[in-house]
Amino acid sequence: MTCRAVITFRDIADVETMLRTKQPLVPMPSSLAGALLGLEAANGLSRNGMHATVLHLMPTLMERQLDPVSASC
């Protein structure tokens, strides 16, 4: 099954696809991770005029990089 509204990314070519697709096809792109790469992706989408929402399963962002006290700031 192919879904035109879902774009995964692993490299710069995928990012370029996201930027080309920033039209009504995807009115609210989302970054599906709150780790460093997902937050960087959400920031990049936002800086290119796209609305990005971070969806994260864990109670804090960047749970592998930050301890709970640091993540709560």
N, C-alpha and C. Protein backbone atom coordinates (compact mmCIF):
# COMPACT_ATOMS: atom_id res chain seq x y z
N MET A 1 0.85 -1.18 0.00
CA MET A 1 0.00 0.00 0.00
C MET A 1 0.89 1.24 0.00
N THR A 2 0.55 2.20 -0.81
CA THR A 2 1.29 3.44 -0.88
C THR A 2 0.40 4.58 -0.41
N CYS A 3 0.95 5.43 0.43
CA CYS A 3 0.22 6.59 0.92
C CYS A 3 1.02 7.83 0.55
N ARG A 4 0.48 8.65 -0.34
CA ARG A 4 1.21 9.83 -0.80
C ARG A 4 1.41 10.85 0.32
N ALA A 5 0.63 10.79 1.37
CA ALA A 5 0.74 11.78 2.44
C ALA A 5 1.76 11.39 3.50
N VAL A 6 2.42 10.25 3.34
CA VAL A 6 3.43 9.81 4.30
C VAL A 6 4.78 9.80 3.61
N ILE A 7 5.71 10.55 4.17
CA ILE A 7 7.07 10.60 3.63
C ILE A 7 8.03 10.27 4.77
N THR A 8 8.73 9.18 4.63
CA THR A 8 9.76 8.85 5.61
C THR A 8 11.05 9.50 5.17
N PHE A 9 11.96 9.69 6.12
CA PHE A 9 13.22 10.29 5.69
C PHE A 9 14.41 9.63 6.37
N ARG A 10 15.42 9.43 5.55
CA ARG A 10 16.69 8.87 5.99
C ARG A 10 17.86 9.68 5.46
N ASP A 11 17.63 10.42 4.38
CA ASP A 11 18.74 11.16 3.78
C ASP A 11 18.24 12.46 3.16
N ILE A 12 19.15 13.22 2.59
CA ILE A 12 18.82 14.53 2.05
C ILE A 12 17.80 14.46 0.91
N ALA A 13 17.83 13.39 0.13
CA ALA A 13 16.84 13.25 -0.95
C ALA A 13 15.42 13.19 -0.39
N ASP A 14 15.24 12.52 0.74
CA ASP A 14 13.92 12.46 1.38
C ASP A 14 13.49 13.83 1.88
N VAL A 15 14.43 14.59 2.43
CA VAL A 15 14.12 15.94 2.89
C VAL A 15 13.71 16.81 1.71
N GLU A 16 14.41 16.69 0.60
CA GLU A 16 14.05 17.45 -0.60
C GLU A 16 12.65 17.09 -1.08
N THR A 17 12.28 15.82 -0.96
CA THR A 17 10.91 15.40 -1.31
C THR A 17 9.91 16.08 -0.41
N MET A 18 10.20 16.15 0.89
CA MET A 18 9.29 16.83 1.83
C MET A 18 9.10 18.29 1.44
N LEU A 19 10.19 18.95 1.11
CA LEU A 19 10.11 20.37 0.77
C LEU A 19 9.33 20.60 -0.52
N ARG A 20 9.47 19.69 -1.49
CA ARG A 20 8.70 19.80 -2.74
C ARG A 20 7.22 19.56 -2.51
N THR A 21 6.89 18.80 -1.47
CA THR A 21 5.52 18.38 -1.22
C THR A 21 4.80 19.33 -0.26
N LYS A 22 5.41 20.43 0.12
CA LYS A 22 4.79 21.32 1.11
C LYS A 22 3.65 22.13 0.52
N GLN A 23 2.71 21.47 -0.06
CA GLN A 23 1.54 22.10 -0.64
C GLN A 23 0.31 21.54 0.05
N PRO A 24 -0.88 21.80 -0.43
CA PRO A 24 -2.09 21.33 0.26
C PRO A 24 -2.15 19.83 0.50
N LEU A 25 -1.30 19.05 -0.17
CA LEU A 25 -1.31 17.60 0.03
C LEU A 25 -1.09 17.24 1.50
N VAL A 26 -0.20 17.95 2.16
CA VAL A 26 0.10 17.67 3.57
C VAL A 26 -0.07 18.97 4.36
N PRO A 27 -1.29 19.27 4.81
CA PRO A 27 -1.51 20.54 5.49
C PRO A 27 -0.82 20.62 6.84
N MET A 28 -0.60 19.50 7.52
CA MET A 28 0.05 19.54 8.81
C MET A 28 1.07 18.41 8.93
N PRO A 29 2.27 18.62 8.41
CA PRO A 29 3.27 17.57 8.55
C PRO A 29 3.61 17.35 10.02
N SER A 30 3.98 16.16 10.35
CA SER A 30 4.35 15.84 11.72
C SER A 30 5.68 15.13 11.74
N SER A 31 6.42 15.39 12.78
CA SER A 31 7.65 14.65 13.03
C SER A 31 7.31 13.65 14.12
N LEU A 32 7.51 12.38 13.87
CA LEU A 32 7.03 11.36 14.78
C LEU A 32 8.07 10.91 15.79
N ALA A 33 8.87 11.82 16.28
CA ALA A 33 9.86 11.45 17.29
C ALA A 33 10.28 12.68 18.06
N GLY A 34 10.57 12.49 19.32
CA GLY A 34 11.03 13.59 20.14
C GLY A 34 12.49 13.44 20.51
N ALA A 35 13.21 12.63 19.76
CA ALA A 35 14.65 12.52 19.97
C ALA A 35 15.32 13.61 19.13
N LEU A 36 16.61 13.66 19.16
CA LEU A 36 17.34 14.74 18.50
C LEU A 36 17.01 14.86 17.02
N LEU A 37 17.04 13.77 16.27
CA LEU A 37 16.78 13.83 14.84
C LEU A 37 15.35 14.30 14.54
N GLY A 38 14.39 13.80 15.29
CA GLY A 38 13.00 14.21 15.07
C GLY A 38 12.78 15.69 15.37
N LEU A 39 13.42 16.19 16.42
CA LEU A 39 13.30 17.60 16.76
C LEU A 39 13.98 18.48 15.71
N GLU A 40 15.12 18.02 15.22
CA GLU A 40 15.80 18.77 14.15
C GLU A 40 14.95 18.78 12.88
N ALA A 41 14.31 17.67 12.58
CA ALA A 41 13.44 17.61 11.40
C ALA A 41 12.25 18.55 11.56
N ALA A 42 11.63 18.57 12.73
CA ALA A 42 10.50 19.46 12.97
C ALA A 42 10.94 20.92 12.84
N ASN A 43 12.10 21.24 13.37
CA ASN A 43 12.62 22.60 13.25
C ASN A 43 12.87 22.96 11.78
N GLY A 44 13.45 22.05 11.02
CA GLY A 44 13.71 22.30 9.61
C GLY A 44 12.43 22.52 8.82
N LEU A 45 11.40 21.71 9.09
CA LEU A 45 10.11 21.89 8.42
C LEU A 45 9.53 23.25 8.76
N SER A 46 9.59 23.61 10.04
CA SER A 46 9.06 24.89 10.49
C SER A 46 9.79 26.06 9.84
N ARG A 47 11.09 25.97 9.75
CA ARG A 47 11.88 27.05 9.15
C ARG A 47 11.63 27.18 7.65
N ASN A 48 11.03 26.16 7.06
CA ASN A 48 10.69 26.21 5.63
C ASN A 48 9.21 26.47 5.41
N GLY A 49 8.55 27.03 6.41
CA GLY A 49 7.17 27.46 6.26
C GLY A 49 6.12 26.39 6.45
N MET A 50 6.50 25.24 6.99
CA MET A 50 5.55 24.16 7.20
C MET A 50 5.23 24.06 8.69
N HIS A 51 4.00 23.70 9.00
CA HIS A 51 3.63 23.47 10.39
C HIS A 51 4.07 22.06 10.77
N ALA A 52 4.77 21.93 11.87
CA ALA A 52 5.23 20.61 12.30
C ALA A 52 4.78 20.35 13.73
N THR A 53 4.30 19.17 13.98
CA THR A 53 3.89 18.75 15.31
C THR A 53 4.77 17.57 15.72
N VAL A 54 5.32 17.63 16.91
CA VAL A 54 6.15 16.53 17.41
C VAL A 54 5.25 15.60 18.22
N LEU A 55 5.21 14.35 17.82
CA LEU A 55 4.47 13.30 18.53
C LEU A 55 5.49 12.36 19.13
N HIS A 56 5.42 12.16 20.44
CA HIS A 56 6.44 11.37 21.11
C HIS A 56 5.80 10.46 22.15
N LEU A 57 6.21 9.22 22.19
CA LEU A 57 5.62 8.23 23.07
C LEU A 57 6.08 8.37 24.52
N MET A 58 7.32 8.77 24.73
CA MET A 58 7.90 8.82 26.07
C MET A 58 7.43 10.06 26.83
N PRO A 59 7.57 10.06 28.16
CA PRO A 59 7.10 11.21 28.95
C PRO A 59 7.92 12.49 28.76
N THR A 60 9.17 12.37 28.34
CA THR A 60 10.00 13.56 28.10
C THR A 60 10.65 13.45 26.73
N LEU A 61 11.01 14.60 26.18
CA LEU A 61 11.73 14.63 24.90
C LEU A 61 13.18 14.22 25.12
N MET A 62 13.79 13.68 24.10
CA MET A 62 15.21 13.32 24.11
C MET A 62 15.58 12.48 25.35
N GLU A 63 14.76 11.47 25.63
CA GLU A 63 14.96 10.68 26.86
C GLU A 63 16.28 9.93 26.89
N ARG A 64 16.88 9.69 25.75
CA ARG A 64 18.18 9.01 25.74
C ARG A 64 19.34 9.98 25.94
N GLN A 65 19.13 11.23 25.58
CA GLN A 65 20.19 12.22 25.70
C GLN A 65 20.15 12.99 27.01
N LEU A 66 18.95 13.16 27.58
CA LEU A 66 18.78 14.00 28.77
C LEU A 66 18.20 13.20 29.93
N ASP A 67 18.62 13.53 31.13
CA ASP A 67 17.99 12.92 32.30
C ASP A 67 16.65 13.64 32.54
N PRO A 68 15.77 13.06 33.35
CA PRO A 68 14.43 13.65 33.53
C PRO A 68 14.44 15.10 34.00
N VAL A 69 15.38 15.47 34.87
CA VAL A 69 15.44 16.85 35.35
C VAL A 69 15.79 17.80 34.19
N SER A 70 16.78 17.44 33.40
CA SER A 70 17.18 18.29 32.27
C SER A 70 16.07 18.36 31.22
N ALA A 71 15.38 17.28 30.99
CA ALA A 71 14.33 17.24 29.97
C ALA A 71 13.11 18.05 30.37
N SER A 72 12.94 18.31 31.65
CA SER A 72 11.75 19.05 32.10
C SER A 72 11.89 20.54 31.94
N CYS A 73 13.05 21.04 31.60
CA CYS A 73 13.26 22.50 31.46
C CYS A 73 12.68 23.03 30.18
